[in-house]
Amino acid sequence: MTNELLKQSVSNQFLVEKALPILSTINNLPTFFPMASLTPATIRAQIFKSENRFNSKGGLIAGNGLEEFGAIIRRKGTRSVLIDVSRYGAWLSGKEIP
């Protein structure tokens, strides 16, 4: 009986650790954060500014850190972009990555 309980608790722990993230499209993401006054256009701007880029004089412009948080999921072979809602929320509130 003890071995069965141990196996069950281990399998339940594995399921909790391997939970799938909640993903959203750019158009649906503002519904998760209604108090943040987000629009799809502001989210697209945040995604554009997430990576380091160069200005016209060759100087480096640092990204906003959204890419490092792992909130942006780009599907290969398509132009579609998905957002991990929990990581985006952590980035938005300025917290560490969970």
Protein backbone atom coordinates (compact mmCIF):
# COMPACT_ATOMS: atom_id res chain seq x y z
CA MET A 1 0.00 0.00 0.00
CA THR A 2 2.82 2.40 0.81
CA ASN A 3 4.51 1.76 -2.53
CA GLU A 4 1.27 2.52 -4.36
CA LEU A 5 0.87 5.83 -2.52
CA LEU A 6 4.47 6.72 -3.28
CA LYS A 7 4.02 5.95 -6.97
CA GLN A 8 0.81 7.98 -7.07
CA SER A 9 2.39 11.01 -5.39
CA VAL A 10 5.39 10.85 -7.74
CA SER A 11 3.13 10.66 -10.79
CA ASN A 12 1.00 13.56 -9.50
CA GLN A 13 4.14 15.63 -8.90
CA PHE A 14 5.33 14.87 -12.44
CA LEU A 15 2.00 16.06 -13.85
CA VAL A 16 2.18 19.31 -11.89
CA GLU A 17 5.76 20.03 -12.96
CA LYS A 18 5.06 19.31 -16.63
CA ALA A 19 1.90 21.41 -16.89
CA LEU A 20 1.47 23.05 -20.26
CA PRO A 21 1.74 26.84 -20.38
CA ILE A 22 -1.29 28.99 -21.17
CA LEU A 23 -0.69 30.42 -24.62
CA SER A 24 -2.46 33.31 -26.26
CA THR A 25 -2.43 35.14 -29.56
CA ILE A 26 -1.58 38.80 -29.72
CA ASN A 27 -5.23 39.74 -30.27
CA ASN A 28 -6.47 37.72 -27.26
CA LEU A 29 -3.73 38.68 -24.78
CA PRO A 30 -5.32 41.98 -23.60
CA THR A 31 -8.29 40.02 -22.19
CA PHE A 32 -5.94 38.40 -19.64
CA PHE A 33 -4.76 41.80 -18.34
CA PRO A 34 -7.76 44.16 -18.47
CA MET A 35 -6.32 46.64 -15.96
CA ALA A 36 -3.11 47.13 -17.98
CA SER A 37 -4.90 48.96 -20.85
CA LEU A 38 -3.13 46.82 -23.45
CA THR A 39 -4.03 46.81 -27.12
CA PRO A 40 -2.78 44.45 -29.82
CA ALA A 41 -0.74 47.34 -31.26
CA THR A 42 1.12 47.91 -27.97
CA ILE A 43 1.84 44.19 -27.65
CA ARG A 44 3.22 44.10 -31.21
CA ALA A 45 5.44 47.08 -30.34
CA GLN A 46 6.69 45.29 -27.22
CA ILE A 47 7.49 42.20 -29.29
CA PHE A 48 9.34 44.31 -31.88
CA LYS A 49 11.38 45.98 -29.13
CA SER A 50 12.11 42.72 -27.30
CA GLU A 51 15.38 41.99 -29.10
CA ASN A 52 18.53 44.09 -29.29
CA ARG A 53 18.67 46.17 -32.45
CA PHE A 54 20.83 48.85 -34.06
CA ASN A 55 19.96 52.46 -34.74
CA SER A 56 20.76 54.26 -37.99
CA LYS A 57 24.21 55.28 -36.73
CA GLY A 58 25.15 51.71 -35.79
CA GLY A 59 24.64 52.12 -32.06
CA LEU A 60 23.10 49.26 -30.10
CA ILE A 61 19.61 49.72 -28.67
CA ALA A 62 18.97 47.30 -25.82
CA GLY A 63 15.82 45.19 -25.93
CA ASN A 64 13.09 45.38 -23.30
CA GLY A 65 13.77 41.87 -21.92
CA LEU A 66 10.57 40.19 -23.11
CA GLU A 67 12.53 37.75 -25.27
CA GLU A 68 14.77 36.71 -22.34
CA PHE A 69 11.72 35.93 -20.20
CA GLY A 70 10.70 33.31 -22.76
CA ALA A 71 7.26 34.83 -23.20
CA ILE A 72 7.42 34.95 -27.00
CA ILE A 73 6.90 31.71 -28.88
CA ARG A 74 7.53 31.88 -32.61
CA ARG A 75 6.29 28.94 -34.61
CA LYS A 76 8.76 27.78 -37.25
CA GLY A 77 7.66 28.03 -40.84
CA THR A 78 4.85 30.47 -40.05
CA ARG A 79 4.54 34.11 -39.11
CA SER A 80 2.30 33.36 -36.14
CA VAL A 81 3.45 34.38 -32.67
CA LEU A 82 2.09 33.01 -29.41
CA ILE A 83 2.58 34.52 -25.96
CA ASP A 84 3.08 32.56 -22.73
CA VAL A 85 0.57 34.36 -20.49
CA SER A 86 2.24 33.63 -17.13
CA ARG A 87 5.71 34.69 -18.32
CA TYR A 88 4.29 37.81 -19.98
CA GLY A 89 2.49 38.68 -16.73
CA ALA A 90 5.71 38.22 -14.76
CA TRP A 91 7.57 40.45 -17.23
CA LEU A 92 4.79 43.03 -17.10
CA SER A 93 4.88 43.19 -13.31
CA GLY A 94 8.69 43.18 -13.19
CA LYS A 95 9.03 39.90 -11.28
CA GLU A 96 11.65 37.21 -11.66
CA ILE A 97 11.01 34.25 -13.94
CA PRO A 98 9.06 31.58 -11.99
